PDB file of N, CA and C in Angstrom:
ATOM      1  N   UNK A   1     -12.888 -27.767  -9.321  1.00  0.00           N
ATOM      2  CA  UNK A   1     -12.854 -27.137 -10.651  1.00  0.00           C
ATOM      3  C   UNK A   1     -14.140 -26.175 -10.614  1.00  0.00           C
ATOM      4  N   UNK A   2     -15.141 -26.457  -9.896  1.00  0.00           N
ATOM      5  CA  UNK A   2     -16.330 -25.623  -9.805  1.00  0.00           C
ATOM      6  C   UNK A   2     -16.002 -24.275  -9.419  1.00  0.00           C
ATOM      7  N   UNK A   3     -15.160 -24.251  -8.410  1.00  0.00           N
ATOM      8  CA  UNK A   3     -14.765 -22.937  -7.584  1.00  0.00           C
ATOM      9  C   UNK A   3     -14.054 -22.168  -8.639  1.00  0.00           C
ATOM     10  N   UNK A   4     -13.026 -22.777  -9.397  1.00  0.00           N
ATOM     11  CA  UNK A   4     -12.279 -22.168 -10.334  1.00  0.00           C
ATOM     12  C   UNK A   4     -13.117 -21.438 -11.537  1.00  0.00           C
ATOM     13  N   UNK A   5     -14.093 -22.247 -12.122  1.00  0.00           N
ATOM     14  CA  UNK A   5     -15.041 -21.715 -13.037  1.00  0.00           C
ATOM     15  C   UNK A   5     -15.774 -20.656 -12.406  1.00  0.00           C
ATOM     16  N   UNK A   6     -16.201 -20.455 -11.350  1.00  0.00           N
ATOM     17  CA  UNK A   6     -17.048 -19.321 -10.642  1.00  0.00           C
ATOM     18  C   UNK A   6     -16.169 -18.285 -10.496  1.00  0.00           C
ATOM     19  N   UNK A   7     -14.717 -18.392 -10.255  1.00  0.00           N
ATOM     20  CA  UNK A   7     -13.835 -17.188 -10.224  1.00  0.00           C
ATOM     21  C   UNK A   7     -13.520 -16.554 -11.551  1.00  0.00           C
ATOM     22  N   UNK A   8     -13.456 -17.425 -12.566  1.00  0.00           N
ATOM     23  CA  UNK A   8     -13.191 -17.078 -13.815  1.00  0.00           C
ATOM     24  C   UNK A   8     -14.482 -16.182 -14.241  1.00  0.00           C
ATOM     25  N   UNK A   9     -15.623 -16.632 -13.955  1.00  0.00           N
ATOM     26  CA  UNK A   9     -16.796 -16.100 -14.401  1.00  0.00           C
ATOM     27  C   UNK A   9     -16.998 -14.683 -13.681  1.00  0.00           C
ATOM     28  N   UNK A  10     -16.523 -14.578 -12.460  1.00  0.00           N
ATOM     29  CA  UNK A  10     -16.530 -13.400 -11.796  1.00  0.00           C
ATOM     30  C   UNK A  10     -15.386 -12.481 -12.320  1.00  0.00           C
ATOM     31  N   UNK A  11     -14.371 -13.033 -12.837  1.00  0.00           N
ATOM     32  CA  UNK A  11     -13.385 -12.033 -13.447  1.00  0.00           C
ATOM     33  C   UNK A  11     -13.788 -11.377 -14.748  1.00  0.00           C
ATOM     34  N   UNK A  12     -14.603 -12.401 -15.514  1.00  0.00           N
ATOM     35  CA  UNK A  12     -15.201 -11.810 -16.708  1.00  0.00           C
ATOM     36  C   UNK A  12     -16.313 -10.660 -16.604  1.00  0.00           C
ATOM     37  N   UNK A  13     -16.894 -11.084 -15.560  1.00  0.00           N
ATOM     38  CA  UNK A  13     -18.023  -9.904 -15.235  1.00  0.00           C
ATOM     39  C   UNK A  13     -17.317  -8.618 -14.744  1.00  0.00           C
ATOM     40  N   UNK A  14     -16.155  -8.852 -13.974  1.00  0.00           N
ATOM     41  CA  UNK A  14     -15.451  -7.438 -13.640  1.00  0.00           C
ATOM     42  C   UNK A  14     -14.864  -6.813 -14.764  1.00  0.00           C
ATOM     43  N   UNK A  15     -14.335  -7.660 -15.532  1.00  0.00           N
ATOM     44  CA  UNK A  15     -13.657  -7.048 -16.869  1.00  0.00           C
ATOM     45  C   UNK A  15     -14.749  -6.412 -17.846  1.00  0.00           C
ATOM     46  N   UNK A  16     -15.822  -6.986 -17.963  1.00  0.00           N
ATOM     47  CA  UNK A  16     -16.963  -6.338 -18.715  1.00  0.00           C
ATOM     48  C   UNK A  16     -17.388  -5.035 -18.098  1.00  0.00           C
ATOM     49  N   UNK A  17     -17.577  -5.099 -16.758  1.00  0.00           N
ATOM     50  CA  UNK A  17     -17.893  -3.750 -16.085  1.00  0.00           C
ATOM     51  C   UNK A  17     -16.988  -2.774 -16.212  1.00  0.00           C
ATOM     52  N   UNK A  18     -15.650  -3.085 -16.039  1.00  0.00           N
ATOM     53  CA  UNK A  18     -14.626  -2.013 -16.318  1.00  0.00           C
ATOM     54  C   UNK A  18     -14.559  -1.507 -17.831  1.00  0.00           C
ATOM     55  N   UNK A  19     -14.748  -2.452 -18.718  1.00  0.00           N
ATOM     56  CA  UNK A  19     -14.726  -2.116 -20.106  1.00  0.00           C
ATOM     57  C   UNK A  19     -16.020  -1.132 -20.212  1.00  0.00           C
ATOM     58  N   UNK A  20     -17.176  -1.305 -19.656  1.00  0.00           N
ATOM     59  CA  UNK A  20     -18.471  -0.531 -19.840  1.00  0.00           C
ATOM     60  C   UNK A  20     -17.990   0.735 -19.193  1.00  0.00           C
ATOM     61  N   UNK A  21     -17.351   0.607 -17.946  1.00  0.00           N
ATOM     62  CA  UNK A  21     -17.206   2.131 -17.288  1.00  0.00           C
ATOM     63  C   UNK A  21     -16.183   3.085 -18.171  1.00  0.00           C
ATOM     64  N   UNK A  22     -15.266   2.233 -18.700  1.00  0.00           N
ATOM     65  CA  UNK A  22     -14.372   2.941 -19.584  1.00  0.00           C
ATOM     66  C   UNK A  22     -14.849   3.619 -20.797  1.00  0.00           C
ATOM     67  N   UNK A  23     -15.789   2.683 -21.359  1.00  0.00           N
ATOM     68  CA  UNK A  23     -16.543   3.365 -22.638  1.00  0.00           C
ATOM     69  C   UNK A  23     -17.357   4.573 -22.210  1.00  0.00           C
ATOM     70  N   UNK A  24     -18.219   4.391 -21.010  1.00  0.00           N
ATOM     71  CA  UNK A  24     -18.919   5.311 -20.585  1.00  0.00           C
ATOM     72  C   UNK A  24     -18.180   6.788 -20.192  1.00  0.00           C
ATOM     73  N   UNK A  25     -16.966   6.463 -19.533  1.00  0.00           N
ATOM     74  CA  UNK A  25     -15.952   7.491 -19.317  1.00  0.00           C
ATOM     75  C   UNK A  25     -15.433   8.204 -20.635  1.00  0.00           C
ATOM     76  N   UNK A  26     -15.226   7.447 -21.645  1.00  0.00           N
ATOM     77  CA  UNK A  26     -14.636   8.099 -22.864  1.00  0.00           C
ATOM     78  C   UNK A  26     -15.780   8.967 -23.574  1.00  0.00           C
ATOM     79  N   UNK A  27     -17.192   8.300 -23.522  1.00  0.00           N
ATOM     80  CA  UNK A  27     -18.269   9.170 -24.110  1.00  0.00           C
ATOM     81  C   UNK A  27     -18.522  10.468 -23.379  1.00  0.00           C
ATOM     82  N   UNK A  28     -18.332  10.355 -22.059  1.00  0.00           N
ATOM     83  CA  UNK A  28     -18.345  11.519 -21.249  1.00  0.00           C
ATOM     84  C   UNK A  28     -17.566  12.644 -21.543  1.00  0.00           C
ATOM     85  N   UNK A  29     -16.276  12.135 -21.748  1.00  0.00           N
ATOM     86  CA  UNK A  29     -15.105  13.094 -22.258  1.00  0.00           C
ATOM     87  C   UNK A  29     -15.341  13.719 -23.443  1.00  0.00           C
ATOM     88  N   UNK A  30     -15.920  12.975 -24.385  1.00  0.00           N
ATOM     89  CA  UNK A  30     -16.146  13.427 -25.722  1.00  0.00           C
ATOM     90  C   UNK A  30     -17.247  14.686 -25.708  1.00  0.00           C
ATOM     91  N   UNK A  31     -18.474  14.280 -24.822  1.00  0.00           N
ATOM     92  CA  UNK A  31     -19.575  15.203 -24.524  1.00  0.00           C
ATOM     93  C   UNK A  31     -18.954  16.558 -23.896  1.00  0.00           C
ATOM     94  N   UNK A  32     -18.242  16.377 -22.859  1.00  0.00           N
ATOM     95  CA  UNK A  32     -17.899  17.551 -22.157  1.00  0.00           C
ATOM     96  C   UNK A  32     -16.821  18.305 -22.991  1.00  0.00           C
ATOM     97  N   UNK A  33     -16.019  17.786 -23.961  1.00  0.00           N
ATOM     98  CA  UNK A  33     -15.167  18.458 -24.732  1.00  0.00           C
ATOM     99  C   UNK A  33     -16.072  19.372 -25.750  1.00  0.00           C
ATOM    100  N   UNK A  34     -16.886  18.643 -26.218  1.00  0.00           N
ATOM    101  CA  UNK A  34     -17.803  19.488 -27.166  1.00  0.00           C
ATOM    102  C   UNK A  34     -18.440  20.409 -26.558  1.00  0.00           C
ATOM    103  N   UNK A  35     -19.081  20.288 -25.200  1.00  0.00           N
ATOM    104  CA  UNK A  35     -19.828  21.387 -24.435  1.00  0.00           C
ATOM    105  C   UNK A  35     -18.743  22.659 -24.379  1.00  0.00           C
ATOM    106  N   UNK A  36     -17.597  22.224 -23.973  1.00  0.00           N
ATOM    107  CA  UNK A  36     -16.470  23.205 -23.788  1.00  0.00           C
ATOM    108  C   UNK A  36     -16.265  24.128 -25.096  1.00  0.00           C
ATOM    109  N   UNK A  37     -16.117  23.406 -25.973  1.00  0.00           N
ATOM    110  CA  UNK A  37     -15.934  24.133 -27.393  1.00  0.00           C
ATOM    111  C   UNK A  37     -17.245  25.004 -27.650  1.00  0.00           C
ATOM    112  N   UNK A  38     -18.324  24.524 -27.435  1.00  0.00           N
ATOM    113  CA  UNK A  38     -19.583  25.481 -27.755  1.00  0.00           C
ATOM    114  C   UNK A  38     -19.449  26.718 -26.854  1.00  0.00           C
ATOM    115  N   UNK A  39     -19.149  26.383 -25.609  1.00  0.00           N
ATOM    116  CA  UNK A  39     -19.125  27.632 -24.650  1.00  0.00           C
ATOM    117  C   UNK A  39     -18.095  28.652 -24.982  1.00  0.00           C
ATOM    118  N   UNK A  40     -17.021  28.071 -25.255  1.00  0.00           N
ATOM    119  CA  UNK A  40     -15.843  28.839 -25.753  1.00  0.00           C
ATOM    120  C   UNK A  40     -16.132  29.693 -27.069  1.00  0.00           C
ATOM    121  N   UNK A  41     -16.814  29.059 -27.923  1.00  0.00           N
ATOM    122  CA  UNK A  41     -17.175  29.939 -29.000  1.00  0.00           C
ATOM    123  C   UNK A  41     -18.282  31.076 -28.816  1.00  0.00           C
ATOM    124  N   UNK A  42     -19.002  30.484 -27.726  1.00  0.00           N
ATOM    125  CA  UNK A  42     -19.992  31.625 -27.384  1.00  0.00           C
ATOM    126  C   UNK A  42     -19.461  32.805 -26.501  1.00  0.00           C
ATOM    127  N   UNK A  43     -18.441  32.446 -25.611  1.00  0.00           N
ATOM    128  CA  UNK A  43     -17.853  33.577 -25.006  1.00  0.00           C
ATOM    129  C   UNK A  43     -17.027  34.422 -25.861  1.00  0.00           C
ATOM    130  N   UNK A  44     -16.294  33.939 -26.911  1.00  0.00           N
ATOM    131  CA  UNK A  44     -15.665  34.863 -27.980  1.00  0.00           C
ATOM    132  C   UNK A  44     -16.648  35.687 -28.745  1.00  0.00           C
ATOM    133  N   UNK A  45     -17.832  35.177 -28.992  1.00  0.00           N
ATOM    134  CA  UNK A  45     -18.985  35.886 -29.604  1.00  0.00           C
ATOM    135  C   UNK A  45     -19.250  37.165 -28.561  1.00  0.00           C
ATOM    136  N   UNK A  46     -19.580  36.629 -27.433  1.00  0.00           N
ATOM    137  CA  UNK A  46     -20.067  37.767 -26.460  1.00  0.00           C
ATOM    138  C   UNK A  46     -18.958  38.850 -26.306  1.00  0.00           C
ATOM    139  N   UNK A  47     -17.600  38.298 -26.226  1.00  0.00           N
ATOM    140  CA  UNK A  47     -16.715  39.274 -26.005  1.00  0.00           C
ATOM    141  C   UNK A  47     -16.366  40.281 -27.517  1.00  0.00           C
ATOM    142  N   UNK A  48     -16.708  39.758 -28.504  1.00  0.00           N
ATOM    143  CA  UNK A  48     -16.713  40.589 -29.684  1.00  0.00           C
ATOM    144  C   UNK A  48     -17.858  41.578 -29.690  1.00  0.00           C
ATOM    145  N   UNK A  49     -19.020  41.172 -29.342  1.00  0.00           N
ATOM    146  CA  UNK A  49     -20.087  41.912 -29.180  1.00  0.00           C
ATOM    147  C   UNK A  49     -19.936  43.020 -28.167  1.00  0.00           C
ATOM    148  N   UNK A  50     -19.387  42.627 -27.042  1.00  0.00           N
ATOM    149  CA  UNK A  50     -19.092  43.631 -25.876  1.00  0.00           C
ATOM    150  C   UNK A  50     -18.074  44.585 -26.479  1.00  0.00           C
ATOM    151  N   UNK A  51     -17.036  44.332 -27.344  1.00  0.00           N
ATOM    152  CA  UNK A  51     -16.244  45.337 -27.772  1.00  0.00           C
ATOM    153  C   UNK A  51     -16.932  46.212 -28.825  1.00  0.00           C
ATOM    154  N   UNK A  52     -17.820  45.771 -29.599  1.00  0.00           N
ATOM    155  CA  UNK A  52     -18.675  46.430 -30.617  1.00  0.00           C
ATOM    156  C   UNK A  52     -19.473  47.478 -29.902  1.00  0.00           C
ATOM    157  N   UNK A  53     -20.153  47.038 -28.820  1.00  0.00           N
ATOM    158  CA  UNK A  53     -20.939  47.953 -27.916  1.00  0.00           C
ATOM    159  C   UNK A  53     -20.230  49.057 -27.301  1.00  0.00           C
ATOM    160  N   UNK A  54     -19.076  48.603 -26.885  1.00  0.00           N
ATOM    161  CA  UNK A  54     -18.168  49.700 -26.097  1.00  0.00           C
ATOM    162  C   UNK A  54     -17.836  50.811 -27.256  1.00  0.00           C
ATOM    163  N   UNK A  55     -17.615  50.574 -28.457  1.00  0.00           N
ATOM    164  CA  UNK A  55     -17.156  51.321 -29.655  1.00  0.00           C
ATOM    165  C   UNK A  55     -18.456  52.262 -29.797  1.00  0.00           C
ATOM    166  N   UNK A  56     -19.750  51.603 -29.815  1.00  0.00           N
ATOM    167  CA  UNK A  56     -20.811  52.363 -30.192  1.00  0.00           C
ATOM    168  C   UNK A  56     -21.129  53.285 -28.834  1.00  0.00           C
ATOM    169  N   UNK A  57     -20.965  52.754 -27.844  1.00  0.00           N
ATOM    170  CA  UNK A  57     -21.164  53.588 -26.521  1.00  0.00           C
ATOM    171  C   UNK A  57     -20.275  54.967 -26.565  1.00  0.00           C
ATOM    172  N   UNK A  58     -18.987  54.785 -26.957  1.00  0.00           N
ATOM    173  CA  UNK A  58     -18.062  55.890 -27.293  1.00  0.00           C
ATOM    174  C   UNK A  58     -18.493  56.923 -28.147  1.00  0.00           C
ATOM    175  N   UNK A  59     -19.112  56.332 -29.363  1.00  0.00           N
ATOM    176  CA  UNK A  59     -19.673  57.193 -30.245  1.00  0.00           C
ATOM    177  C   UNK A  59     -20.881  58.023 -29.837  1.00  0.00           C
ATOM    178  N   UNK A  60     -21.684  57.223 -29.035  1.00  0.00           N
ATOM    179  CA  UNK A  60     -22.720  58.051 -28.529  1.00  0.00           C
ATOM    180  C   UNK A  60     -22.388  59.070 -27.425  1.00  0.00           C
ATOM    181  N   UNK A  61     -21.565  58.836 -26.818  1.00  0.00           N
ATOM    182  CA  UNK A  61     -20.834  59.872 -25.746  1.00  0.00           C
ATOM    183  C   UNK A  61     -20.428  61.225 -26.574  1.00  0.00           C
ATOM    184  N   UNK A  62     -19.612  60.880 -27.714  1.00  0.00           N
ATOM    185  CA  UNK A  62     -19.092  62.002 -28.417  1.00  0.00           C
ATOM    186  C   UNK A  62     -20.176  62.709 -29.038  1.00  0.00           C
ATOM    187  N   UNK A  63     -21.312  61.952 -29.501  1.00  0.00           N
ATOM    188  CA  UNK A  63     -22.460  62.626 -30.089  1.00  0.00           C
ATOM    189  C   UNK A  63     -23.126  63.489 -29.187  1.00  0.00           C
ATOM    190  N   UNK A  64     -23.292  62.997 -27.979  1.00  0.00           N
ATOM    191  CA  UNK A  64     -23.911  63.747 -26.823  1.00  0.00           C
ATOM    192  C   UNK A  64     -23.171  65.009 -26.383  1.00  0.00           C
ATOM    193  N   UNK A  65     -21.858  64.813 -26.363  1.00  0.00           N
ATOM    194  CA  UNK A  65     -21.172  66.063 -25.923  1.00  0.00           C
ATOM    195  C   UNK A  65     -21.024  67.137 -27.330  1.00  0.00           C
ATOM    196  N   UNK A  66     -21.345  66.599 -28.306  1.00  0.00           N
ATOM    197  CA  UNK A  66     -21.508  67.654 -29.511  1.00  0.00           C
ATOM    198  C   UNK A  66     -22.894  68.341 -29.469  1.00  0.00           C
ATOM    199  N   UNK A  67     -23.813  67.506 -29.258  1.00  0.00           N
ATOM    200  CA  UNK A  67     -25.071  68.170 -29.140  1.00  0.00           C
ATOM    201  C   UNK A  67     -25.349  69.135 -27.837  1.00  0.00           C
ATOM    202  N   UNK A  68     -24.696  68.662 -26.779  1.00  0.00           N
ATOM    203  CA  UNK A  68     -24.719  69.449 -25.724  1.00  0.00           C
ATOM    204  C   UNK A  68     -23.688  70.418 -25.325  1.00  0.00           C
ATOM    205  N   UNK A  69     -22.910  70.752 -26.438  1.00  0.00           N
ATOM    206  CA  UNK A  69     -21.847  71.896 -26.209  1.00  0.00           C
ATOM    207  C   UNK A  69     -22.416  73.288 -25.912  1.00  0.00           C
ATOM    208  N   UNK A  70     -21.792  73.937 -25.038  1.00  0.00           N
ATOM    209  CA  UNK A  70     -22.257  75.281 -24.644  1.00  0.00           C
ATOM    210  C   UNK A  70     -22.503  76.238 -25.831  1.00  0.00           C
ATOM    211  N   UNK A  71     -21.575  76.176 -26.736  1.00  0.00           N
ATOM    212  CA  UNK A  71     -21.830  77.117 -27.890  1.00  0.00           C
ATOM    213  C   UNK A  71     -22.927  76.756 -28.700  1.00  0.00           C
ATOM    214  N   UNK A  72     -23.205  75.376 -28.907  1.00  0.00           N
ATOM    215  CA  UNK A  72     -24.395  74.983 -29.607  1.00  0.00           C
ATOM    216  C   UNK A  72     -25.728  75.541 -28.935  1.00  0.00           C
ATOM    217  N   UNK A  73     -25.758  75.210 -27.655  1.00  0.00           N
ATOM    218  CA  UNK A  73     -26.883  75.417 -27.008  1.00  0.00           C
ATOM    219  C   UNK A  73     -27.194  76.912 -26.882  1.00  0.00           C
ATOM    220  N   UNK A  74     -26.140  77.792 -26.867  1.00  0.00           N
ATOM    221  CA  UNK A  74     -26.210  79.325 -26.844  1.00  0.00           C
ATOM    222  C   UNK A  74     -26.772  79.647 -28.258  1.00  0.00           C
ATOM    223  N   UNK A  75     -26.371  79.117 -29.334  1.00  0.00           N
ATOM    224  CA  UNK A  75     -26.636  79.492 -30.680  1.00  0.00           C
ATOM    225  C   UNK A  75     -28.054  79.126 -30.938  1.00  0.00           C
ATOM    226  N   UNK A  76     -28.540  78.091 -30.571  1.00  0.00           N
ATOM    227  CA  UNK A  76     -29.849  77.614 -30.730  1.00  0.00           C
ATOM    228  C   UNK A  76     -30.881  78.456 -29.854  1.00  0.00           C
ATOM    229  N   UNK A  77     -30.387  78.854 -28.516  1.00  0.00           N
ATOM    230  CA  UNK A  77     -31.332  79.831 -27.813  1.00  0.00           C
ATOM    231  C   UNK A  77     -31.366  81.195 -28.425  1.00  0.00           C
ATOM    232  N   UNK A  78     -30.330  81.457 -29.037  1.00  0.00           N
ATOM    233  CA  UNK A  78     -30.487  82.888 -29.816  1.00  0.00           C
ATOM    234  C   UNK A  78     -31.353  82.718 -31.017  1.00  0.00           C
ATOM    235  N   UNK A  79     -31.122  81.702 -31.855  1.00  0.00           N
ATOM    236  CA  UNK A  79     -31.648  81.730 -33.195  1.00  0.00           C
ATOM    237  C   UNK A  79     -33.022  81.164 -33.033  1.00  0.00           C
ATOM    238  N   UNK A  80     -33.376  80.348 -32.229  1.00  0.00           N
ATOM    239  CA  UNK A  80     -34.734  79.610 -32.276  1.00  0.00           C
ATOM    240  C   UNK A  80     -35.611  80.145 -31.220  1.00  0.00           C
ATOM    241  N   UNK A  81     -35.000  80.609 -30.052  1.00  0.00           N
ATOM    242  CA  UNK A  81     -35.870  81.091 -29.087  1.00  0.00           C
ATOM    243  C   UNK A  81     -35.744  82.557 -28.823  1.00  0.00           C
ATOM    244  N   UNK A  82     -34.778  83.301 -29.572  1.00  0.00           N
ATOM    245  CA  UNK A  82     -34.766  84.679 -29.445  1.00  0.00           C
ATOM    246  C   UNK A  82     -34.435  85.105 -28.185  1.00  0.00           C
ATOM    247  N   UNK A  83     -33.509  84.140 -27.421  1.00  0.00           N
ATOM    248  CA  UNK A  83     -32.927  84.508 -26.130  1.00  0.00           C
ATOM    249  C   UNK A  83     -31.591  85.263 -26.202  1.00  0.00           C
ATOM    250  N   UNK A  84     -31.236  85.997 -25.224  1.00  0.00           N
ATOM    251  CA  UNK A  84     -30.117  86.720 -25.292  1.00  0.00           C
ATOM    252  C   UNK A  84     -29.383  86.941 -23.692  1.00  0.00           C
ATOM    253  N   UNK A  85     -28.152  87.185 -23.546  1.00  0.00           N
ATOM    254  CA  UNK A  85     -27.523  87.164 -22.524  1.00  0.00           C
ATOM    255  C   UNK A  85     -28.095  88.685 -21.678  1.00  0.00           C
ATOM    256  N   UNK A  86     -28.527  88.496 -20.578  1.00  0.00           N
ATOM    257  CA  UNK A  86     -28.983  89.684 -19.961  1.00  0.00           C
ATOM    258  C   UNK A  86     -27.974  90.962 -19.810  1.00  0.00           C
ATOM    259  N   UNK A  87     -28.273  92.068 -19.794  1.00  0.00           N
ATOM    260  CA  UNK A  87     -27.398  93.209 -19.336  1.00  0.00           C
ATOM    261  C   UNK A  87     -27.074  93.101 -18.021  1.00  0.00           C
ATOM    262  N   UNK A  88     -25.758  93.650 -17.511  1.00  0.00           N
ATOM    263  CA  UNK A  88     -25.313  93.642 -16.269  1.00  0.00           C
ATOM    264  C   UNK A  88     -26.418  94.202 -15.242  1.00  0.00           C
ATOM    265  N   UNK A  89     -27.139  95.286 -15.662  1.00  0.00           N
ATOM    266  CA  UNK A  89     -27.997  96.026 -14.832  1.00  0.00           C
ATOM    267  C   UNK A  89     -29.272  95.075 -14.496  1.00  0.00           C
ATOM    268  N   UNK A  90     -29.434  94.062 -15.297  1.00  0.00           N
ATOM    269  CA  UNK A  90     -30.650  93.278 -15.227  1.00  0.00           C
ATOM    270  C   UNK A  90     -30.522  91.937 -14.430  1.00  0.00           C
ATOM    271  N   UNK A  91     -29.121  91.739 -14.069  1.00  0.00           N
ATOM    272  CA  UNK A  91     -28.764  90.522 -13.434  1.00  0.00           C
ATOM    273  C   UNK A  91     -28.865  90.865 -11.826  1.00  0.00           C
ATOM    274  N   UNK A  92     -29.707  90.071 -10.951  1.00  0.00           N
ATOM    275  CA  UNK A  92     -29.927  90.026  -9.597  1.00  0.00           C
ATOM    276  C   UNK A  92     -29.273  88.851  -9.074  1.00  0.00           C
ATOM    277  N   UNK A  93     -28.276  89.099  -7.903  1.00  0.00           N
ATOM    278  CA  UNK A  93     -27.666  88.037  -7.441  1.00  0.00           C
ATOM    279  C   UNK A  93     -28.463  87.743  -6.078  1.00  0.00           C
ATOM    280  N   UNK A  94     -28.822  86.488  -5.905  1.00  0.00           N
ATOM    281  CA  UNK A  94     -29.539  86.110  -4.568  1.00  0.00           C
ATOM    282  C   UNK A  94     -28.412  85.402  -3.721  1.00  0.00           C
ATOM    283  N   UNK A  95     -28.540  85.973  -2.470  1.00  0.00           N
ATOM    284  CA  UNK A  95     -27.541  85.217  -1.573  1.00  0.00           C
ATOM    285  C   UNK A  95     -28.172  84.224  -0.672  1.00  0.00           C
TER     286      UNK A  95
END
């Protein structure tokens, strides 16, 4: 009978350990799920920010092309710096 009591005791220890392992596993699943949700939210936030920055970059490129347009530069050179296109006889070609 003593051998049977030892076996039952060993089974209860095994059941308790398995139950504890199951509980720890469940808590780990909950923790990882929560972490994945946080990281997914962060990823979506960064994607939105990226899209906004791309729009802003496009606007800056458009503004740059406007400010650097040939006609605007030529107009500013004439008006503010009193520059002009030289006459044909004043142009020297260097080879």
